Amino acid sequence: MMTTDEEQMEAWLAPETRVLRTEQGEHLELTQTMAFWEQYDDIRQAGATEAFLVAAGKDGMDEFGLPFELAIQNYVGHVWNECIR
């Protein structure tokens, strides 16, 4: 039998795919964990636009040589830890 903590961890690790829009109107399909999407949604509710977060992910690709999925994850995690948490 799983504990509540284990159940919550399993829920946070579940993947979800969303379609994001860039400033140029392009659509990007992104699959991340529910933990990522909770942080992403918190940042959006605080005022960041979807296009801004996508651009920050693309900047991280250039700066750190990361794939987009990791670059946006890195940015969202840092912003959430510094500004939301």
PDB file of N, CA and C in Angstrom:
ATOM      1  N   MET A   1       0.839  -1.187   0.000  1.00  0.00           N
ATOM      2  CA  MET A   1       0.000   0.000   0.000  1.00  0.00           C
ATOM      3  C   MET A   1       0.885   1.252   0.000  1.00  0.00           C
ATOM      4  N   MET A   2       0.573   2.191  -0.888  1.00  0.00           N
ATOM      5  CA  MET A   2       1.368   3.416  -0.973  1.00  0.00           C
ATOM      6  C   MET A   2       0.901   4.425   0.072  1.00  0.00           C
ATOM      7  N   THR A   3       1.871   5.176   0.584  1.00  0.00           N
ATOM      8  CA  THR A   3       1.539   6.256   1.512  1.00  0.00           C
ATOM      9  C   THR A   3       1.106   7.480   0.712  1.00  0.00           C
ATOM     10  N   THR A   4       0.568   8.462   1.413  1.00  0.00           N
ATOM     11  CA  THR A   4       0.138   9.695   0.754  1.00  0.00           C
ATOM     12  C   THR A   4       1.324  10.378   0.075  1.00  0.00           C
ATOM     13  N   ASP A   5       2.483  10.384   0.722  1.00  0.00           N
ATOM     14  CA  ASP A   5       3.680  10.989   0.127  1.00  0.00           C
ATOM     15  C   ASP A   5       4.072  10.293  -1.166  1.00  0.00           C
ATOM     16  N   GLU A   6       4.016   8.970  -1.169  1.00  0.00           N
ATOM     17  CA  GLU A   6       4.346   8.205  -2.373  1.00  0.00           C
ATOM     18  C   GLU A   6       3.339   8.472  -3.492  1.00  0.00           C
ATOM     19  N   GLU A   7       2.078   8.577  -3.126  1.00  0.00           N
ATOM     20  CA  GLU A   7       1.043   8.869  -4.111  1.00  0.00           C
ATOM     21  C   GLU A   7       1.244  10.263  -4.715  1.00  0.00           C
ATOM     22  N   GLN A   8       1.584  11.240  -3.866  1.00  0.00           N
ATOM     23  CA  GLN A   8       1.823  12.599  -4.346  1.00  0.00           C
ATOM     24  C   GLN A   8       3.039  12.643  -5.269  1.00  0.00           C
ATOM     25  N   MET A   9       4.096  11.938  -4.896  1.00  0.00           N
ATOM     26  CA  MET A   9       5.301  11.885  -5.724  1.00  0.00           C
ATOM     27  C   MET A   9       4.981  11.263  -7.081  1.00  0.00           C
ATOM     28  N   GLU A  10       4.226  10.195  -7.068  1.00  0.00           N
ATOM     29  CA  GLU A  10       3.846   9.542  -8.311  1.00  0.00           C
ATOM     30  C   GLU A  10       3.011  10.483  -9.189  1.00  0.00           C
ATOM     31  N   ALA A  11       2.112  11.234  -8.578  1.00  0.00           N
ATOM     32  CA  ALA A  11       1.288  12.195  -9.326  1.00  0.00           C
ATOM     33  C   ALA A  11       2.157  13.299  -9.923  1.00  0.00           C
ATOM     34  N   TRP A  12       3.139  13.807  -9.160  1.00  0.00           N
ATOM     35  CA  TRP A  12       4.028  14.870  -9.652  1.00  0.00           C
ATOM     36  C   TRP A  12       4.879  14.393 -10.825  1.00  0.00           C
ATOM     37  N   LEU A  13       5.211  13.109 -10.849  1.00  0.00           N
ATOM     38  CA  LEU A  13       6.076  12.579 -11.900  1.00  0.00           C
ATOM     39  C   LEU A  13       5.310  12.158 -13.149  1.00  0.00           C
ATOM     40  N   ALA A  14       3.999  12.176 -13.086  1.00  0.00           N
ATOM     41  CA  ALA A  14       3.194  11.800 -14.246  1.00  0.00           C
ATOM     42  C   ALA A  14       3.413  12.809 -15.381  1.00  0.00           C
ATOM     43  N   PRO A  15       3.573  12.335 -16.600  1.00  0.00           N
ATOM     44  CA  PRO A  15       3.792  13.252 -17.724  1.00  0.00           C
ATOM     45  C   PRO A  15       2.487  13.872 -18.213  1.00  0.00           C
ATOM     46  N   GLU A  16       2.598  15.083 -18.715  1.00  0.00           N
ATOM     47  CA  GLU A  16       1.487  15.764 -19.377  1.00  0.00           C
ATOM     48  C   GLU A  16       2.063  16.527 -20.561  1.00  0.00           C
ATOM     49  N   THR A  17       1.353  16.486 -21.669  1.00  0.00           N
ATOM     50  CA  THR A  17       1.784  17.204 -22.863  1.00  0.00           C
ATOM     51  C   THR A  17       0.869  18.399 -23.085  1.00  0.00           C
ATOM     52  N   ARG A  18       1.492  19.548 -23.341  1.00  0.00           N
ATOM     53  CA  ARG A  18       0.749  20.766 -23.667  1.00  0.00           C
ATOM     54  C   ARG A  18       1.342  21.355 -24.940  1.00  0.00           C
ATOM     55  N   VAL A  19       0.565  22.192 -25.581  1.00  0.00           N
ATOM     56  CA  VAL A  19       1.037  22.906 -26.762  1.00  0.00           C
ATOM     57  C   VAL A  19       1.230  24.364 -26.359  1.00  0.00           C
ATOM     58  N   LEU A  20       2.467  24.854 -26.519  1.00  0.00           N
ATOM     59  CA  LEU A  20       2.814  26.224 -26.178  1.00  0.00           C
ATOM     60  C   LEU A  20       2.959  27.047 -27.452  1.00  0.00           C
ATOM     61  N   ARG A  21       2.745  28.348 -27.337  1.00  0.00           N
ATOM     62  CA  ARG A  21       2.842  29.236 -28.491  1.00  0.00           C
ATOM     63  C   ARG A  21       3.996  30.226 -28.284  1.00  0.00           C
ATOM     64  N   THR A  22       4.807  30.390 -29.330  1.00  0.00           N
ATOM     65  CA  THR A  22       5.917  31.340 -29.297  1.00  0.00           C
ATOM     66  C   THR A  22       5.405  32.746 -29.620  1.00  0.00           C
ATOM     67  N   GLU A  23       6.286  33.737 -29.486  1.00  0.00           N
ATOM     68  CA  GLU A  23       5.937  35.117 -29.853  1.00  0.00           C
ATOM     69  C   GLU A  23       5.577  35.227 -31.327  1.00  0.00           C
ATOM     70  N   GLN A  24       6.136  34.349 -32.155  1.00  0.00           N
ATOM     71  CA  GLN A  24       5.879  34.358 -33.594  1.00  0.00           C
ATOM     72  C   GLN A  24       4.634  33.549 -33.960  1.00  0.00           C
ATOM     73  N   GLY A  25       3.955  33.000 -32.978  1.00  0.00           N
ATOM     74  CA  GLY A  25       2.743  32.230 -33.227  1.00  0.00           C
ATOM     75  C   GLY A  25       2.979  30.763 -33.551  1.00  0.00           C
ATOM     76  N   GLU A  26       4.233  30.316 -33.471  1.00  0.00           N
ATOM     77  CA  GLU A  26       4.526  28.899 -33.690  1.00  0.00           C
ATOM     78  C   GLU A  26       3.990  28.085 -32.508  1.00  0.00           C
ATOM     79  N   HIS A  27       3.637  26.846 -32.778  1.00  0.00           N
ATOM     80  CA  HIS A  27       3.175  25.946 -31.731  1.00  0.00           C
ATOM     81  C   HIS A  27       4.243  24.902 -31.440  1.00  0.00           C
ATOM     82  N   LEU A  28       4.537  24.731 -30.149  1.00  0.00           N
ATOM     83  CA  LEU A  28       5.519  23.737 -29.709  1.00  0.00           C
ATOM     84  C   LEU A  28       4.836  22.762 -28.770  1.00  0.00           C
ATOM     85  N   GLU A  29       4.962  21.487 -29.053  1.00  0.00           N
ATOM     86  CA  GLU A  29       4.426  20.469 -28.160  1.00  0.00           C
ATOM     87  C   GLU A  29       5.496  20.138 -27.127  1.00  0.00           C
ATOM     88  N   LEU A  30       5.116  20.190 -25.856  1.00  0.00           N
ATOM     89  CA  LEU A  30       6.073  19.968 -24.782  1.00  0.00           C
ATOM     90  C   LEU A  30       5.491  18.983 -23.770  1.00  0.00           C
ATOM     91  N   THR A  31       6.235  17.931 -23.492  1.00  0.00           N
ATOM     92  CA  THR A  31       5.846  16.960 -22.468  1.00  0.00           C
ATOM     93  C   THR A  31       6.777  17.136 -21.275  1.00  0.00           C
ATOM     94  N   GLN A  32       6.181  17.357 -20.130  1.00  0.00           N
ATOM     95  CA  GLN A  32       6.922  17.521 -18.879  1.00  0.00           C
ATOM     96  C   GLN A  32       6.131  16.848 -17.766  1.00  0.00           C
ATOM     97  N   THR A  33       6.728  16.793 -16.578  1.00  0.00           N
ATOM     98  CA  THR A  33       6.039  16.214 -15.418  1.00  0.00           C
ATOM     99  C   THR A  33       4.998  17.191 -14.885  1.00  0.00           C
ATOM    100  N   MET A  34       4.077  16.673 -14.116  1.00  0.00           N
ATOM    101  CA  MET A  34       3.076  17.533 -13.482  1.00  0.00           C
ATOM    102  C   MET A  34       3.735  18.514 -12.508  1.00  0.00           C
ATOM    103  N   ALA A  35       4.849  18.135 -11.884  1.00  0.00           N
ATOM    104  CA  ALA A  35       5.565  19.057 -10.998  1.00  0.00           C
ATOM    105  C   ALA A  35       6.033  20.273 -11.787  1.00  0.00           C
ATOM    106  N   PHE A  36       6.591  20.053 -12.986  1.00  0.00           N
ATOM    107  CA  PHE A  36       6.995  21.166 -13.843  1.00  0.00           C
ATOM    108  C   PHE A  36       5.796  22.039 -14.171  1.00  0.00           C
ATOM    109  N   TRP A  37       4.686  21.433 -14.601  1.00  0.00           N
ATOM    110  CA  TRP A  37       3.520  22.220 -15.014  1.00  0.00           C
ATOM    111  C   TRP A  37       2.930  23.008 -13.849  1.00  0.00           C
ATOM    112  N   GLU A  38       3.006  22.482 -12.626  1.00  0.00           N
ATOM    113  CA  GLU A  38       2.533  23.248 -11.468  1.00  0.00           C
ATOM    114  C   GLU A  38       3.378  24.501 -11.288  1.00  0.00           C
ATOM    115  N   GLN A  39       4.706  24.358 -11.401  1.00  0.00           N
ATOM    116  CA  GLN A  39       5.585  25.520 -11.290  1.00  0.00           C
ATOM    117  C   GLN A  39       5.342  26.490 -12.448  1.00  0.00           C
ATOM    118  N   TYR A  40       5.226  25.964 -13.656  1.00  0.00           N
ATOM    119  CA  TYR A  40       4.961  26.775 -14.848  1.00  0.00           C
ATOM    120  C   TYR A  40       3.669  27.583 -14.656  1.00  0.00           C
ATOM    121  N   ASP A  41       2.624  26.924 -14.194  1.00  0.00           N
ATOM    122  CA  ASP A  41       1.339  27.599 -13.988  1.00  0.00           C
ATOM    123  C   ASP A  41       1.437  28.672 -12.908  1.00  0.00           C
ATOM    124  N   ASP A  42       2.201  28.414 -11.842  1.00  0.00           N
ATOM    125  CA  ASP A  42       2.407  29.428 -10.799  1.00  0.00           C
ATOM    126  C   ASP A  42       3.070  30.674 -11.388  1.00  0.00           C
ATOM    127  N   ILE A  43       4.074  30.467 -12.223  1.00  0.00           N
ATOM    128  CA  ILE A  43       4.790  31.592 -12.836  1.00  0.00           C
ATOM    129  C   ILE A  43       3.866  32.350 -13.784  1.00  0.00           C
ATOM    130  N   ARG A  44       3.050  31.633 -14.539  1.00  0.00           N
ATOM    131  CA  ARG A  44       2.075  32.285 -15.429  1.00  0.00           C
ATOM    132  C   ARG A  44       1.084  33.108 -14.616  1.00  0.00           C
ATOM    133  N   GLN A  45       0.599  32.557 -13.508  1.00  0.00           N
ATOM    134  CA  GLN A  45      -0.357  33.273 -12.661  1.00  0.00           C
ATOM    135  C   GLN A  45       0.268  34.519 -12.050  1.00  0.00           C
ATOM    136  N   ALA A  46       1.588  34.498 -11.881  1.00  0.00           N
ATOM    137  CA  ALA A  46       2.303  35.661 -11.341  1.00  0.00           C
ATOM    138  C   ALA A  46       2.526  36.740 -12.406  1.00  0.00           C
ATOM    139  N   GLY A  47       2.193  36.424 -13.684  1.00  0.00           N
ATOM    140  CA  GLY A  47       2.258  37.449 -14.707  1.00  0.00           C
ATOM    141  C   GLY A  47       3.122  37.169 -15.916  1.00  0.00           C
ATOM    142  N   ALA A  48       3.896  36.104 -15.904  1.00  0.00           N
ATOM    143  CA  ALA A  48       4.731  35.799 -17.071  1.00  0.00           C
ATOM    144  C   ALA A  48       3.854  35.255 -18.195  1.00  0.00           C
ATOM    145  N   THR A  49       4.154  35.649 -19.415  1.00  0.00           N
ATOM    146  CA  THR A  49       3.383  35.133 -20.552  1.00  0.00           C
ATOM    147  C   THR A  49       3.981  33.818 -21.042  1.00  0.00           C
ATOM    148  N   GLU A  50       3.150  33.069 -21.727  1.00  0.00           N
ATOM    149  CA  GLU A  50       3.609  31.817 -22.318  1.00  0.00           C
ATOM    150  C   GLU A  50       4.758  32.069 -23.288  1.00  0.00           C
ATOM    151  N   ALA A  51       4.596  33.092 -24.141  1.00  0.00           N
ATOM    152  CA  ALA A  51       5.628  33.403 -25.131  1.00  0.00           C
ATOM    153  C   ALA A  51       6.949  33.781 -24.450  1.00  0.00           C
ATOM    154  N   PHE A  52       6.888  34.493 -23.339  1.00  0.00           N
ATOM    155  CA  PHE A  52       8.103  34.864 -22.615  1.00  0.00           C
ATOM    156  C   PHE A  52       8.824  33.628 -22.087  1.00  0.00           C
ATOM    157  N   LEU A  53       8.071  32.692 -21.511  1.00  0.00           N
ATOM    158  CA  LEU A  53       8.689  31.483 -20.971  1.00  0.00           C
ATOM    159  C   LEU A  53       9.279  30.617 -22.076  1.00  0.00           C
ATOM    160  N   VAL A  54       8.594  30.546 -23.215  1.00  0.00           N
ATOM    161  CA  VAL A  54       9.144  29.798 -24.356  1.00  0.00           C
ATOM    162  C   VAL A  54      10.444  30.459 -24.821  1.00  0.00           C
ATOM    163  N   ALA A  55      10.449  31.798 -24.911  1.00  0.00           N
ATOM    164  CA  ALA A  55      11.659  32.512 -25.335  1.00  0.00           C
ATOM    165  C   ALA A  55      12.803  32.283 -24.350  1.00  0.00           C
ATOM    166  N   ALA A  56      12.496  32.260 -23.062  1.00  0.00           N
ATOM    167  CA  ALA A  56      13.536  31.999 -22.054  1.00  0.00           C
ATOM    168  C   ALA A  56      14.104  30.596 -22.229  1.00  0.00           C
ATOM    169  N   GLY A  57      13.250  29.630 -22.551  1.00  0.00           N
ATOM    170  CA  GLY A  57      13.727  28.276 -22.819  1.00  0.00           C
ATOM    171  C   GLY A  57      14.632  28.240 -24.039  1.00  0.00           C
ATOM    172  N   LYS A  58      14.254  28.979 -25.075  1.00  0.00           N
ATOM    173  CA  LYS A  58      15.084  29.023 -26.282  1.00  0.00           C
ATOM    174  C   LYS A  58      16.412  29.724 -26.008  1.00  0.00           C
ATOM    175  N   ASP A  59      16.394  30.754 -25.167  1.00  0.00           N
ATOM    176  CA  ASP A  59      17.647  31.421 -24.782  1.00  0.00           C
ATOM    177  C   ASP A  59      18.563  30.440 -24.050  1.00  0.00           C
ATOM    178  N   GLY A  60      17.979  29.608 -23.200  1.00  0.00           N
ATOM    179  CA  GLY A  60      18.766  28.609 -22.475  1.00  0.00           C
ATOM    180  C   GLY A  60      19.391  27.589 -23.405  1.00  0.00           C
ATOM    181  N   MET A  61      18.707  27.301 -24.506  1.00  0.00           N
ATOM    182  CA  MET A  61      19.279  26.390 -25.506  1.00  0.00           C
ATOM    183  C   MET A  61      20.568  26.989 -26.050  1.00  0.00           C
ATOM    184  N   ASP A  62      20.509  28.277 -26.396  1.00  0.00           N
ATOM    185  CA  ASP A  62      21.679  28.956 -26.953  1.00  0.00           C
ATOM    186  C   ASP A  62      22.788  29.111 -25.924  1.00  0.00           C
ATOM    187  N   GLU A  63      22.417  29.521 -24.716  1.00  0.00           N
ATOM    188  CA  GLU A  63      23.418  29.814 -23.685  1.00  0.00           C
ATOM    189  C   GLU A  63      24.109  28.564 -23.153  1.00  0.00           C
ATOM    190  N   PHE A  64      23.327  27.506 -22.919  1.00  0.00           N
ATOM    191  CA  PHE A  64      23.879  26.321 -22.265  1.00  0.00           C
ATOM    192  C   PHE A  64      23.990  25.110 -23.178  1.00  0.00           C
ATOM    193  N   GLY A  65      23.513  25.217 -24.407  1.00  0.00           N
ATOM    194  CA  GLY A  65      23.563  24.095 -25.333  1.00  0.00           C
ATOM    195  C   GLY A  65      22.637  22.952 -24.943  1.00  0.00           C
ATOM    196  N   LEU A  66      21.549  23.282 -24.260  1.00  0.00           N
ATOM    197  CA  LEU A  66      20.603  22.264 -23.813  1.00  0.00           C
ATOM    198  C   LEU A  66      19.488  22.077 -24.837  1.00  0.00           C
ATOM    199  N   PRO A  67      18.872  20.903 -24.857  1.00  0.00           N
ATOM    200  CA  PRO A  67      17.648  20.765 -25.644  1.00  0.00           C
ATOM    201  C   PRO A  67      16.556  21.640 -25.015  1.00  0.00           C
ATOM    202  N   PHE A  68      15.592  22.055 -25.812  1.00  0.00           N
ATOM    203  CA  PHE A  68      14.546  22.960 -25.329  1.00  0.00           C
ATOM    204  C   PHE A  68      13.869  22.429 -24.069  1.00  0.00           C
ATOM    205  N   GLU A  69      13.562  21.149 -24.028  1.00  0.00           N
ATOM    206  CA  GLU A  69      12.857  20.569 -22.891  1.00  0.00           C
ATOM    207  C   GLU A  69      13.609  20.792 -21.582  1.00  0.00           C
ATOM    208  N   LEU A  70      14.906  20.642 -21.618  1.00  0.00           N
ATOM    209  CA  LEU A  70      15.713  20.860 -20.408  1.00  0.00           C
ATOM    210  C   LEU A  70      15.946  22.339 -20.131  1.00  0.00           C
ATOM    211  N   ALA A  71      16.089  23.131 -21.171  1.00  0.00           N
ATOM    212  CA  ALA A  71      16.333  24.566 -20.995  1.00  0.00           C
ATOM    213  C   ALA A  71      15.135  25.255 -20.342  1.00  0.00           C
ATOM    214  N   ILE A  72      13.923  24.943 -20.791  1.00  0.00           N
ATOM    215  CA  ILE A  72      12.748  25.570 -20.186  1.00  0.00           C
ATOM    216  C   ILE A  72      12.524  25.030 -18.773  1.00  0.00           C
ATOM    217  N   GLN A  73      12.820  23.759 -18.572  1.00  0.00           N
ATOM    218  CA  GLN A  73      12.717  23.171 -17.235  1.00  0.00           C
ATOM    219  C   GLN A  73      13.673  23.865 -16.266  1.00  0.00           C
ATOM    220  N   ASN A  74      14.892  24.110 -16.721  1.00  0.00           N
ATOM    221  CA  ASN A  74      15.890  24.804 -15.915  1.00  0.00           C
ATOM    222  C   ASN A  74      15.419  26.214 -15.561  1.00  0.00           C
ATOM    223  N   TYR A  75      14.933  26.946 -16.553  1.00  0.00           N
ATOM    224  CA  TYR A  75      14.484  28.326 -16.320  1.00  0.00           C
ATOM    225  C   TYR A  75      13.298  28.359 -15.357  1.00  0.00           C
ATOM    226  N   VAL A  76      12.300  27.548 -15.622  1.00  0.00           N
ATOM    227  CA  VAL A  76      11.108  27.532 -14.773  1.00  0.00           C
ATOM    228  C   VAL A  76      11.475  27.158 -13.336  1.00  0.00           C
ATOM    229  N   GLY A  77      12.326  26.164 -13.172  1.00  0.00           N
ATOM    230  CA  GLY A  77      12.733  25.766 -11.829  1.00  0.00           C
ATOM    231  C   GLY A  77      13.439  26.871 -11.075  1.00  0.00           C
ATOM    232  N   HIS A  78      14.352  27.572 -11.760  1.00  0.00           N
ATOM    233  CA  HIS A  78      15.065  28.680 -11.105  1.00  0.00           C
ATOM    234  C   HIS A  78      14.129  29.816 -10.752  1.00  0.00           C
ATOM    235  N   VAL A  79      13.275  30.220 -11.669  1.00  0.00           N
ATOM    236  CA  VAL A  79      12.352  31.327 -11.394  1.00  0.00           C
ATOM    237  C   VAL A  79      11.400  30.954 -10.259  1.00  0.00           C
ATOM    238  N   TRP A  80      10.883  29.753 -10.285  1.00  0.00           N
ATOM    239  CA  TRP A  80       9.946  29.328  -9.252  1.00  0.00           C
ATOM    240  C   TRP A  80      10.625  29.334  -7.892  1.00  0.00           C
ATOM    241  N   ASN A  81      11.853  28.805  -7.814  1.00  0.00           N
ATOM    242  CA  ASN A  81      12.569  28.788  -6.534  1.00  0.00           C
ATOM    243  C   ASN A  81      12.899  30.176  -6.024  1.00  0.00           C
ATOM    244  N   GLU A  82      13.256  31.087  -6.916  1.00  0.00           N
ATOM    245  CA  GLU A  82      13.657  32.438  -6.516  1.00  0.00           C
ATOM    246  C   GLU A  82      12.489  33.380  -6.264  1.00  0.00           C
ATOM    247  N   CYS A  83      11.408  33.220  -7.000  1.00  0.00           N
ATOM    248  CA  CYS A  83      10.347  34.234  -6.975  1.00  0.00           C
ATOM    249  C   CYS A  83       9.007  33.770  -6.434  1.00  0.00           C
ATOM    250  N   ILE A  84       8.718  32.502  -6.534  1.00  0.00           N
ATOM    251  CA  ILE A  84       7.378  32.037  -6.170  1.00  0.00           C
ATOM    252  C   ILE A  84       7.377  31.324  -4.821  1.00  0.00           C
ATOM    253  N   ARG A  85       8.300  30.459  -4.653  1.00  0.00           N
ATOM    254  CA  ARG A  85       8.361  29.620  -3.456  1.00  0.00           C
ATOM    255  C   ARG A  85       8.497  30.408  -2.237  1.00  0.00           C
TER     256      ARG A  85
END
